[in-house]
């Protein structure tokens, strides 16, 4: 019998800096500092099709996967069919 671990994100896979701040309790400026240092995985999303501005989104799935991989429990992640 194999042990199974399920990881459920109770949030969207990508969240804004403000939402991440709410979820973690970290001040927004601390979150921005961590992003600049490369401590929080992000991606840029255009604000609109016509704008050159972007919004920074934080990858909650990657954060969860890193946390899981750092645990003492062996975890296999499988995607797709």
Protein backbone atom coordinates (compact mmCIF):
# COMPACT_ATOMS: atom_id res chain seq x y z
CA UNK A 1 0.00 0.00 0.00
CA UNK A 2 1.39 3.38 -1.02
CA UNK A 3 1.04 6.48 1.08
CA UNK A 4 -0.46 9.38 -0.81
CA UNK A 5 -0.09 13.06 -0.08
CA UNK A 6 -2.45 15.64 -1.49
CA UNK A 7 -1.51 19.29 -1.63
CA UNK A 8 -4.44 21.61 -2.15
CA UNK A 9 -3.93 25.28 -2.79
CA UNK A 10 -6.66 27.31 -1.13
CA UNK A 11 -5.81 30.23 -3.35
CA UNK A 12 -5.23 30.95 -7.02
CA UNK A 13 -2.00 29.57 -8.50
CA UNK A 14 -0.81 33.16 -9.04
CA UNK A 15 -1.58 36.03 -6.66
CA UNK A 16 -0.78 39.73 -6.55
CA UNK A 17 1.80 41.17 -4.18
CA UNK A 18 -1.00 42.65 -2.07
CA UNK A 19 -2.82 39.30 -1.82
CA UNK A 20 0.41 37.48 -0.93
CA UNK A 21 1.00 40.07 1.79
CA UNK A 22 -2.49 39.37 3.18
CA UNK A 23 -2.00 35.60 3.06
CA UNK A 24 1.40 35.59 4.75
CA UNK A 25 1.09 38.57 7.07
CA UNK A 26 4.28 40.05 5.62
CA UNK A 27 4.27 43.79 4.92
CA UNK A 28 4.02 44.67 1.21
CA UNK A 29 7.45 46.33 1.27
CA UNK A 30 9.01 43.16 2.71
CA UNK A 31 7.37 41.09 -0.04
CA UNK A 32 8.75 43.48 -2.68
CA UNK A 33 12.22 43.24 -1.13
CA UNK A 34 12.06 39.43 -1.18
CA UNK A 35 10.99 39.53 -4.84
CA UNK A 36 13.93 41.79 -5.74
CA UNK A 37 16.29 39.37 -3.96
CA UNK A 38 14.80 36.42 -5.89
CA UNK A 39 13.39 34.77 -2.77
CA UNK A 40 9.81 34.67 -4.08
CA UNK A 41 9.04 33.15 -7.52
CA UNK A 42 7.13 35.54 -9.78
CA UNK A 43 6.00 36.14 -13.32
CA UNK A 44 5.04 39.33 -15.12
CA UNK A 45 1.60 39.74 -16.64
CA UNK A 46 0.68 42.63 -18.96
CA UNK A 47 -1.84 44.99 -17.34
CA UNK A 48 -3.70 45.08 -20.67
CA UNK A 49 -3.09 44.19 -24.30
CA UNK A 50 -2.40 47.83 -25.19
CA UNK A 51 -0.22 48.68 -22.21
CA UNK A 52 3.50 48.14 -21.85
CA UNK A 53 3.07 48.04 -18.06
CA UNK A 54 3.12 44.72 -16.26
CA UNK A 55 1.79 43.39 -12.96
CA UNK A 56 3.93 41.12 -10.80
CA UNK A 57 2.23 37.86 -9.86
CA UNK A 58 3.57 35.44 -7.25
CA UNK A 59 3.64 31.73 -8.12
CA UNK A 60 1.90 30.04 -5.18
CA UNK A 61 2.25 26.58 -6.73
CA UNK A 62 6.03 26.89 -6.95
CA UNK A 63 6.22 28.10 -3.35
CA UNK A 64 4.14 25.09 -2.25
CA UNK A 65 6.25 22.68 -4.31
CA UNK A 66 9.49 24.03 -2.82
CA UNK A 67 8.08 23.79 0.70
CA UNK A 68 6.97 20.20 0.03
CA UNK A 69 10.34 19.22 -1.43
CA UNK A 70 12.12 20.60 1.63
CA UNK A 71 10.08 18.39 3.95
CA UNK A 72 11.32 15.03 5.22
CA UNK A 73 8.47 13.26 3.42
CA UNK A 74 9.18 11.79 -0.01
CA UNK A 75 6.86 13.45 -2.51
CA UNK A 76 6.36 12.70 -6.19
CA UNK A 77 4.60 15.33 -8.26
CA UNK A 78 2.88 14.17 -11.42
CA UNK A 79 1.19 16.38 -13.98
CA UNK A 80 -1.06 15.58 -16.88
CA UNK A 81 -2.31 12.23 -18.07
